[in-house]
Amino acid sequence: MNVSPRTYGYLLRISISFFMSLLMSFAMLVLNLGFVENFMALWFKSFSVAFALAVVISSLVFPFVTVLLSKVVRVCDEPAKLREAPEGC
């Protein structure tokens, strides 16, 4: 499937939000309550809220982090340049 870079960015944020909220909601629920009787229902509710928040928050934070990170690090175009120069590109 071919997608534009913009669509790829959205799909990437949604995918990462999905898996992070799935695993984090599970871990926090287990740590706070343990495996209680209605665990699956509580986990689904917790995951639903976490996923909705994660998508919105990642959409708001991603551009800020991208700009901030671009001021701190420089990305090399070619991996070979990383091996040749000890200080980077």
PDB file of N, CA and C in Angstrom:
ATOM      1  N   MET A   1       0.849  -1.171   0.000  1.00  0.00           N
ATOM      2  CA  MET A   1       0.000   0.000   0.000  1.00  0.00           C
ATOM      3  C   MET A   1       0.895   1.235   0.000  1.00  0.00           C
ATOM      4  N   ASN A   2       0.667   2.121  -0.917  1.00  0.00           N
ATOM      5  CA  ASN A   2       1.416   3.361  -1.006  1.00  0.00           C
ATOM      6  C   ASN A   2       0.636   4.481  -0.347  1.00  0.00           C
ATOM      7  N   VAL A   3       1.330   5.225   0.507  1.00  0.00           N
ATOM      8  CA  VAL A   3       0.708   6.378   1.160  1.00  0.00           C
ATOM      9  C   VAL A   3       1.674   7.551   1.095  1.00  0.00           C
ATOM     10  N   SER A   4       1.133   8.728   1.257  1.00  0.00           N
ATOM     11  CA  SER A   4       1.962   9.930   1.272  1.00  0.00           C
ATOM     12  C   SER A   4       2.712  10.012   2.606  1.00  0.00           C
ATOM     13  N   PRO A   5       3.782  10.793   2.654  1.00  0.00           N
ATOM     14  CA  PRO A   5       4.502  10.964   3.923  1.00  0.00           C
ATOM     15  C   PRO A   5       3.599  11.516   5.037  1.00  0.00           C
ATOM     16  N   ARG A   6       2.685  12.379   4.672  1.00  0.00           N
ATOM     17  CA  ARG A   6       1.771  12.939   5.675  1.00  0.00           C
ATOM     18  C   ARG A   6       0.858  11.850   6.252  1.00  0.00           C
ATOM     19  N   THR A   7       0.306  11.020   5.369  1.00  0.00           N
ATOM     20  CA  THR A   7      -0.545   9.923   5.818  1.00  0.00           C
ATOM     21  C   THR A   7       0.258   8.938   6.647  1.00  0.00           C
ATOM     22  N   TYR A   8       1.487   8.673   6.238  1.00  0.00           N
ATOM     23  CA  TYR A   8       2.365   7.777   7.003  1.00  0.00           C
ATOM     24  C   TYR A   8       2.578   8.313   8.418  1.00  0.00           C
ATOM     25  N   GLY A   9       2.778   9.617   8.538  1.00  0.00           N
ATOM     26  CA  GLY A   9       2.950  10.231   9.852  1.00  0.00           C
ATOM     27  C   GLY A   9       1.734  10.023  10.740  1.00  0.00           C
ATOM     28  N   TYR A  10       0.544  10.197  10.171  1.00  0.00           N
ATOM     29  CA  TYR A  10      -0.683   9.971  10.943  1.00  0.00           C
ATOM     30  C   TYR A  10      -0.823   8.508  11.341  1.00  0.00           C
ATOM     31  N   LEU A  11      -0.569   7.612  10.397  1.00  0.00           N
ATOM     32  CA  LEU A  11      -0.662   6.183  10.700  1.00  0.00           C
ATOM     33  C   LEU A  11       0.354   5.766  11.764  1.00  0.00           C
ATOM     34  N   LEU A  12       1.540   6.333  11.697  1.00  0.00           N
ATOM     35  CA  LEU A  12       2.571   6.030  12.673  1.00  0.00           C
ATOM     36  C   LEU A  12       2.151   6.481  14.069  1.00  0.00           C
ATOM     37  N   ARG A  13       1.647   7.710  14.180  1.00  0.00           N
ATOM     38  CA  ARG A  13       1.203   8.214  15.485  1.00  0.00           C
ATOM     39  C   ARG A  13       0.053   7.400  16.048  1.00  0.00           C
ATOM     40  N   ILE A  14      -0.902   7.040  15.205  1.00  0.00           N
ATOM     41  CA  ILE A  14      -2.047   6.256  15.672  1.00  0.00           C
ATOM     42  C   ILE A  14      -1.596   4.860  16.099  1.00  0.00           C
ATOM     43  N   SER A  15      -0.701   4.247  15.336  1.00  0.00           N
ATOM     44  CA  SER A  15      -0.210   2.906  15.673  1.00  0.00           C
ATOM     45  C   SER A  15       0.571   2.902  16.977  1.00  0.00           C
ATOM     46  N   ILE A  16       1.460   3.855  17.135  1.00  0.00           N
ATOM     47  CA  ILE A  16       2.231   3.937  18.370  1.00  0.00           C
ATOM     48  C   ILE A  16       1.311   4.234  19.547  1.00  0.00           C
ATOM     49  N   SER A  17       0.351   5.116  19.356  1.00  0.00           N
ATOM     50  CA  SER A  17      -0.610   5.424  20.416  1.00  0.00           C
ATOM     51  C   SER A  17      -1.400   4.190  20.809  1.00  0.00           C
ATOM     52  N   PHE A  18      -1.787   3.393  19.820  1.00  0.00           N
ATOM     53  CA  PHE A  18      -2.558   2.185  20.085  1.00  0.00           C
ATOM     54  C   PHE A  18      -1.779   1.219  20.970  1.00  0.00           C
ATOM     55  N   PHE A  19      -0.563   0.873  20.545  1.00  0.00           N
ATOM     56  CA  PHE A  19       0.207  -0.128  21.281  1.00  0.00           C
ATOM     57  C   PHE A  19       0.689   0.390  22.634  1.00  0.00           C
ATOM     58  N   MET A  20       1.075   1.648  22.695  1.00  0.00           N
ATOM     59  CA  MET A  20       1.503   2.200  23.984  1.00  0.00           C
ATOM     60  C   MET A  20       0.352   2.237  24.976  1.00  0.00           C
ATOM     61  N   SER A  21      -0.815   2.687  24.552  1.00  0.00           N
ATOM     62  CA  SER A  21      -1.949   2.758  25.467  1.00  0.00           C
ATOM     63  C   SER A  21      -2.438   1.362  25.841  1.00  0.00           C
ATOM     64  N   LEU A  22      -2.356   0.410  24.920  1.00  0.00           N
ATOM     65  CA  LEU A  22      -2.746  -0.964  25.222  1.00  0.00           C
ATOM     66  C   LEU A  22      -1.857  -1.549  26.320  1.00  0.00           C
ATOM     67  N   LEU A  23      -0.556  -1.436  26.137  1.00  0.00           N
ATOM     68  CA  LEU A  23       0.380  -2.009  27.104  1.00  0.00           C
ATOM     69  C   LEU A  23       0.426  -1.231  28.414  1.00  0.00           C
ATOM     70  N   MET A  24       0.370   0.091  28.331  1.00  0.00           N
ATOM     71  CA  MET A  24       0.427   0.896  29.548  1.00  0.00           C
ATOM     72  C   MET A  24      -0.837   0.732  30.386  1.00  0.00           C
ATOM     73  N   SER A  25      -1.999   0.687  29.744  1.00  0.00           N
ATOM     74  CA  SER A  25      -3.234   0.514  30.507  1.00  0.00           C
ATOM     75  C   SER A  25      -3.255  -0.853  31.179  1.00  0.00           C
ATOM     76  N   PHE A  26      -2.744  -1.874  30.492  1.00  0.00           N
ATOM     77  CA  PHE A  26      -2.651  -3.209  31.094  1.00  0.00           C
ATOM     78  C   PHE A  26      -1.726  -3.189  32.302  1.00  0.00           C
ATOM     79  N   ALA A  27      -0.534  -2.645  32.120  1.00  0.00           N
ATOM     80  CA  ALA A  27       0.458  -2.634  33.204  1.00  0.00           C
ATOM     81  C   ALA A  27      -0.036  -1.837  34.410  1.00  0.00           C
ATOM     82  N   MET A  28      -0.616  -0.680  34.183  1.00  0.00           N
ATOM     83  CA  MET A  28      -1.074   0.143  35.303  1.00  0.00           C
ATOM     84  C   MET A  28      -2.250  -0.504  36.031  1.00  0.00           C
ATOM     85  N   LEU A  29      -3.113  -1.143  35.288  1.00  0.00           N
ATOM     86  CA  LEU A  29      -4.251  -1.819  35.908  1.00  0.00           C
ATOM     87  C   LEU A  29      -3.787  -3.004  36.753  1.00  0.00           C
ATOM     88  N   VAL A  30      -2.840  -3.759  36.249  1.00  0.00           N
ATOM     89  CA  VAL A  30      -2.302  -4.886  37.012  1.00  0.00           C
ATOM     90  C   VAL A  30      -1.585  -4.387  38.263  1.00  0.00           C
ATOM     91  N   LEU A  31      -0.791  -3.336  38.119  1.00  0.00           N
ATOM     92  CA  LEU A  31      -0.060  -2.806  39.274  1.00  0.00           C
ATOM     93  C   LEU A  31      -0.994  -2.227  40.335  1.00  0.00           C
ATOM     94  N   ASN A  32      -2.039  -1.541  39.906  1.00  0.00           N
ATOM     95  CA  ASN A  32      -2.918  -0.875  40.862  1.00  0.00           C
ATOM     96  C   ASN A  32      -3.983  -1.792  41.445  1.00  0.00           C
ATOM     97  N   LEU A  33      -4.546  -2.693  40.652  1.00  0.00           N
ATOM     98  CA  LEU A  33      -5.654  -3.523  41.123  1.00  0.00           C
ATOM     99  C   LEU A  33      -5.339  -5.007  41.155  1.00  0.00           C
ATOM    100  N   GLY A  34      -4.395  -5.444  40.363  1.00  0.00           N
ATOM    101  CA  GLY A  34      -4.147  -6.871  40.228  1.00  0.00           C
ATOM    102  C   GLY A  34      -5.174  -7.468  39.272  1.00  0.00           C
ATOM    103  N   PHE A  35      -5.212  -8.769  39.194  1.00  0.00           N
ATOM    104  CA  PHE A  35      -6.166  -9.446  38.312  1.00  0.00           C
ATOM    105  C   PHE A  35      -7.476  -9.667  39.068  1.00  0.00           C
ATOM    106  N   VAL A  36      -8.325  -8.675  39.031  1.00  0.00           N
ATOM    107  CA  VAL A  36      -9.613  -8.740  39.721  1.00  0.00           C
ATOM    108  C   VAL A  36     -10.645  -9.436  38.841  1.00  0.00           C
ATOM    109  N   GLU A  37     -11.830  -9.638  39.408  1.00  0.00           N
ATOM    110  CA  GLU A  37     -12.878 -10.411  38.731  1.00  0.00           C
ATOM    111  C   GLU A  37     -13.267  -9.824  37.366  1.00  0.00           C
ATOM    112  N   ASN A  38     -13.484  -8.551  37.280  1.00  0.00           N
ATOM    113  CA  ASN A  38     -13.917  -7.928  36.016  1.00  0.00           C
ATOM    114  C   ASN A  38     -12.747  -7.216  35.322  1.00  0.00           C
ATOM    115  N   PHE A  39     -11.593  -7.862  35.321  1.00  0.00           N
ATOM    116  CA  PHE A  39     -10.369  -7.263  34.788  1.00  0.00           C
ATOM    117  C   PHE A  39     -10.504  -6.841  33.327  1.00  0.00           C
ATOM    118  N   MET A  40     -11.055  -7.707  32.487  1.00  0.00           N
ATOM    119  CA  MET A  40     -11.136  -7.414  31.050  1.00  0.00           C
ATOM    120  C   MET A  40     -12.014  -6.188  30.781  1.00  0.00           C
ATOM    121  N   ALA A  41     -13.127  -6.060  31.492  1.00  0.00           N
ATOM    122  CA  ALA A  41     -14.004  -4.897  31.310  1.00  0.00           C
ATOM    123  C   ALA A  41     -13.298  -3.622  31.762  1.00  0.00           C
ATOM    124  N   LEU A  42     -12.613  -3.700  32.883  1.00  0.00           N
ATOM    125  CA  LEU A  42     -11.868  -2.534  33.373  1.00  0.00           C
ATOM    126  C   LEU A  42     -10.727  -2.173  32.427  1.00  0.00           C
ATOM    127  N   TRP A  43     -10.059  -3.191  31.904  1.00  0.00           N
ATOM    128  CA  TRP A  43      -8.956  -2.939  30.988  1.00  0.00           C
ATOM    129  C   TRP A  43      -9.469  -2.286  29.700  1.00  0.00           C
ATOM    130  N   PHE A  44     -10.583  -2.774  29.177  1.00  0.00           N
ATOM    131  CA  PHE A  44     -11.135  -2.185  27.956  1.00  0.00           C
ATOM    132  C   PHE A  44     -11.507  -0.719  28.181  1.00  0.00           C
ATOM    133  N   LYS A  45     -12.106  -0.429  29.314  1.00  0.00           N
ATOM    134  CA  LYS A  45     -12.480   0.955  29.626  1.00  0.00           C
ATOM    135  C   LYS A  45     -11.228   1.827  29.767  1.00  0.00           C
ATOM    136  N   SER A  46     -10.247   1.315  30.486  1.00  0.00           N
ATOM    137  CA  SER A  46      -9.003   2.049  30.684  1.00  0.00           C
ATOM    138  C   SER A  46      -8.279   2.268  29.356  1.00  0.00           C
ATOM    139  N   PHE A  47      -8.222   1.233  28.537  1.00  0.00           N
ATOM    140  CA  PHE A  47      -7.564   1.343  27.239  1.00  0.00           C
ATOM    141  C   PHE A  47      -8.286   2.337  26.336  1.00  0.00           C
ATOM    142  N   SER A  48      -9.612   2.326  26.340  1.00  0.00           N
ATOM    143  CA  SER A  48     -10.385   3.233  25.490  1.00  0.00           C
ATOM    144  C   SER A  48     -10.066   4.687  25.803  1.00  0.00           C
ATOM    145  N   VAL A  49     -10.039   5.006  27.076  1.00  0.00           N
ATOM    146  CA  VAL A  49      -9.715   6.382  27.483  1.00  0.00           C
ATOM    147  C   VAL A  49      -8.263   6.700  27.149  1.00  0.00           C
ATOM    148  N   ALA A  50      -7.358   5.776  27.456  1.00  0.00           N
ATOM    149  CA  ALA A  50      -5.931   6.004  27.203  1.00  0.00           C
ATOM    150  C   ALA A  50      -5.645   6.185  25.718  1.00  0.00           C
ATOM    151  N   PHE A  51      -6.273   5.390  24.881  1.00  0.00           N
ATOM    152  CA  PHE A  51      -6.034   5.487  23.441  1.00  0.00           C
ATOM    153  C   PHE A  51      -6.536   6.819  22.885  1.00  0.00           C
ATOM    154  N   ALA A  52      -7.728   7.215  23.300  1.00  0.00           N
ATOM    155  CA  ALA A  52      -8.268   8.501  22.834  1.00  0.00           C
ATOM    156  C   ALA A  52      -7.346   9.653  23.246  1.00  0.00           C
ATOM    157  N   LEU A  53      -6.891   9.626  24.478  1.00  0.00           N
ATOM    158  CA  LEU A  53      -5.978  10.677  24.940  1.00  0.00           C
ATOM    159  C   LEU A  53      -4.632  10.604  24.236  1.00  0.00           C
ATOM    160  N   ALA A  54      -4.122   9.404  24.024  1.00  0.00           N
ATOM    161  CA  ALA A  54      -2.813   9.246  23.397  1.00  0.00           C
ATOM    162  C   ALA A  54      -2.801   9.775  21.969  1.00  0.00           C
ATOM    163  N   VAL A  55      -3.865   9.543  21.222  1.00  0.00           N
ATOM    164  CA  VAL A  55      -3.919  10.037  19.837  1.00  0.00           C
ATOM    165  C   VAL A  55      -3.925  11.572  19.828  1.00  0.00           C
ATOM    166  N   VAL A  56      -4.724  12.159  20.674  1.00  0.00           N
ATOM    167  CA  VAL A  56      -4.807  13.622  20.724  1.00  0.00           C
ATOM    168  C   VAL A  56      -3.488  14.220  21.209  1.00  0.00           C
ATOM    169  N   ILE A  57      -2.949  13.657  22.289  1.00  0.00           N
ATOM    170  CA  ILE A  57      -1.703  14.191  22.841  1.00  0.00           C
ATOM    171  C   ILE A  57      -0.547  14.023  21.868  1.00  0.00           C
ATOM    172  N   SER A  58      -0.443  12.877  21.209  1.00  0.00           N
ATOM    173  CA  SER A  58       0.649  12.682  20.260  1.00  0.00           C
ATOM    174  C   SER A  58       0.526  13.637  19.076  1.00  0.00           C
ATOM    175  N   SER A  59      -0.683  13.946  18.659  1.00  0.00           N
ATOM    176  CA  SER A  59      -0.871  14.898  17.563  1.00  0.00           C
ATOM    177  C   SER A  59      -0.448  16.305  17.964  1.00  0.00           C
ATOM    178  N   LEU A  60      -0.634  16.639  19.228  1.00  0.00           N
ATOM    179  CA  LEU A  60      -0.244  17.969  19.707  1.00  0.00           C
ATOM    180  C   LEU A  60       1.255  18.049  20.006  1.00  0.00           C
ATOM    181  N   VAL A  61       1.824  16.986  20.545  1.00  0.00           N
ATOM    182  CA  VAL A  61       3.209  17.005  21.002  1.00  0.00           C
ATOM    183  C   VAL A  61       4.202  16.703  19.884  1.00  0.00           C
ATOM    184  N   PHE A  62       3.827  15.883  18.918  1.00  0.00           N
ATOM    185  CA  PHE A  62       4.744  15.441  17.878  1.00  0.00           C
ATOM    186  C   PHE A  62       5.425  16.603  17.136  1.00  0.00           C
ATOM    187  N   PRO A  63       4.702  17.615  16.671  1.00  0.00           N
ATOM    188  CA  PRO A  63       5.384  18.717  15.979  1.00  0.00           C
ATOM    189  C   PRO A  63       6.383  19.455  16.874  1.00  0.00           C
ATOM    190  N   PHE A  64       6.032  19.658  18.138  1.00  0.00           N
ATOM    191  CA  PHE A  64       6.926  20.337  19.077  1.00  0.00           C
ATOM    192  C   PHE A  64       8.197  19.526  19.301  1.00  0.00           C
ATOM    193  N   VAL A  65       8.054  18.240  19.514  1.00  0.00           N
ATOM    194  CA  VAL A  65       9.207  17.371  19.753  1.00  0.00           C
ATOM    195  C   VAL A  65      10.080  17.295  18.503  1.00  0.00           C
ATOM    196  N   THR A  66       9.473  17.265  17.335  1.00  0.00           N
ATOM    197  CA  THR A  66      10.232  17.217  16.085  1.00  0.00           C
ATOM    198  C   THR A  66      11.121  18.453  15.939  1.00  0.00           C
ATOM    199  N   VAL A  67      10.565  19.621  16.211  1.00  0.00           N
ATOM    200  CA  VAL A  67      11.344  20.861  16.122  1.00  0.00           C
ATOM    201  C   VAL A  67      12.445  20.883  17.176  1.00  0.00           C
ATOM    202  N   LEU A  68      12.107  20.511  18.396  1.00  0.00           N
ATOM    203  CA  LEU A  68      13.079  20.499  19.479  1.00  0.00           C
ATOM    204  C   LEU A  68      14.223  19.531  19.188  1.00  0.00           C
ATOM    205  N   LEU A  69      13.889  18.345  18.731  1.00  0.00           N
ATOM    206  CA  LEU A  69      14.910  17.347  18.438  1.00  0.00           C
ATOM    207  C   LEU A  69      15.788  17.767  17.261  1.00  0.00           C
ATOM    208  N   SER A  70      15.213  18.445  16.273  1.00  0.00           N
ATOM    209  CA  SER A  70      16.009  18.890  15.126  1.00  0.00           C
ATOM    210  C   SER A  70      17.033  19.949  15.523  1.00  0.00           C
ATOM    211  N   LYS A  71      16.798  20.644  16.641  1.00  0.00           N
ATOM    212  CA  LYS A  71      17.768  21.631  17.125  1.00  0.00           C
ATOM    213  C   LYS A  71      18.891  20.976  17.920  1.00  0.00           C
ATOM    214  N   VAL A  72      18.641  19.765  18.417  1.00  0.00           N
ATOM    215  CA  VAL A  72      19.606  19.085  19.265  1.00  0.00           C
ATOM    216  C   VAL A  72      20.471  18.102  18.471  1.00  0.00           C
ATOM    217  N   VAL A  73      19.871  17.390  17.528  1.00  0.00           N
ATOM    218  CA  VAL A  73      20.607  16.391  16.770  1.00  0.00           C
ATOM    219  C   VAL A  73      20.528  16.685  15.276  1.00  0.00           C
ATOM    220  N   ARG A  74      21.479  16.109  14.563  1.00  0.00           N
ATOM    221  CA  ARG A  74      21.498  16.234  13.109  1.00  0.00           C
ATOM    222  C   ARG A  74      21.405  14.843  12.523  1.00  0.00           C
ATOM    223  N   VAL A  75      20.566  14.654  11.533  1.00  0.00           N
ATOM    224  CA  VAL A  75      20.378  13.347  10.902  1.00  0.00           C
ATOM    225  C   VAL A  75      21.228  13.280   9.646  1.00  0.00           C
ATOM    226  N   CYS A  76      22.012  12.225   9.538  1.00  0.00           N
ATOM    227  CA  CYS A  76      22.843  12.013   8.351  1.00  0.00           C
ATOM    228  C   CYS A  76      22.004  11.377   7.253  1.00  0.00           C
ATOM    229  N   ASP A  77      22.292  11.740   6.026  1.00  0.00           N
ATOM    230  CA  ASP A  77      21.581  11.159   4.890  1.00  0.00           C
ATOM    231  C   ASP A  77      22.034   9.738   4.599  1.00  0.00           C
ATOM    232  N   GLU A  78      23.314   9.476   4.809  1.00  0.00           N
ATOM    233  CA  GLU A  78      23.857   8.168   4.476  1.00  0.00           C
ATOM    234  C   GLU A  78      24.431   7.508   5.731  1.00  0.00           C
ATOM    235  N   PRO A  79      24.047   6.268   6.001  1.00  0.00           N
ATOM    236  CA  PRO A  79      24.582   5.564   7.176  1.00  0.00           C
ATOM    237  C   PRO A  79      26.104   5.423   7.151  1.00  0.00           C
ATOM    238  N   ALA A  80      26.699   5.361   5.960  1.00  0.00           N
ATOM    239  CA  ALA A  80      28.150   5.203   5.867  1.00  0.00           C
ATOM    240  C   ALA A  80      28.873   6.394   6.468  1.00  0.00           C
ATOM    241  N   LYS A  81      28.296   7.575   6.379  1.00  0.00           N
ATOM    242  CA  LYS A  81      28.927   8.770   6.940  1.00  0.00           C
ATOM    243  C   LYS A  81      29.064   8.671   8.453  1.00  0.00           C
ATOM    244  N   LEU A  82      28.147   7.988   9.087  1.00  0.00           N
ATOM    245  CA  LEU A  82      28.229   7.836  10.541  1.00  0.00           C
ATOM    246  C   LEU A  82      29.453   7.029  10.943  1.00  0.00           C
ATOM    247  N   ARG A  83      29.814   6.030  10.152  1.00  0.00           N
ATOM    248  CA  ARG A  83      30.967   5.192  10.479  1.00  0.00           C
ATOM    249  C   ARG A  83      32.283   5.916  10.189  1.00  0.00           C
ATOM    250  N   GLU A  84      32.319   6.791   9.184  1.00  0.00           N
ATOM    251  CA  GLU A  84      33.548   7.437   8.785  1.00  0.00           C
ATOM    252  C   GLU A  84      33.949   8.575   9.710  1.00  0.00           C
ATOM    253  N   ALA A  85      33.017   9.364  10.149  1.00  0.00           N
ATOM    254  CA  ALA A  85      33.337  10.527  10.956  1.00  0.00           C
ATOM    255  C   ALA A  85      33.027  10.242  12.433  1.00  0.00           C
ATOM    256  N   PRO A  86      34.016  10.374  13.300  1.00  0.00           N
ATOM    257  CA  PRO A  86      33.781  10.066  14.711  1.00  0.00           C
ATOM    258  C   PRO A  86      32.795  11.024  15.365  1.00  0.00           C
ATOM    259  N   GLU A  87      32.705  12.271  14.910  1.00  0.00           N
ATOM    260  CA  GLU A  87      31.790  13.227  15.516  1.00  0.00           C
ATOM    261  C   GLU A  87      30.427  13.270  14.834  1.00  0.00           C
ATOM    262  N   GLY A  88      30.192  12.399  13.902  1.00  0.00           N
ATOM    263  CA  GLY A  88      28.899  12.372  13.209  1.00  0.00           C
ATOM    264  C   GLY A  88      29.065  12.660  11.743  1.00  0.00           C
ATOM    265  N   CYS A  89      28.139  13.354  11.153  1.00  0.00           N
ATOM    266  CA  CYS A  89      28.141  13.607   9.701  1.00  0.00           C
ATOM    267  C   CYS A  89      29.179  14.620   9.309  1.00  0.00           C
TER     268      CYS A  89
END
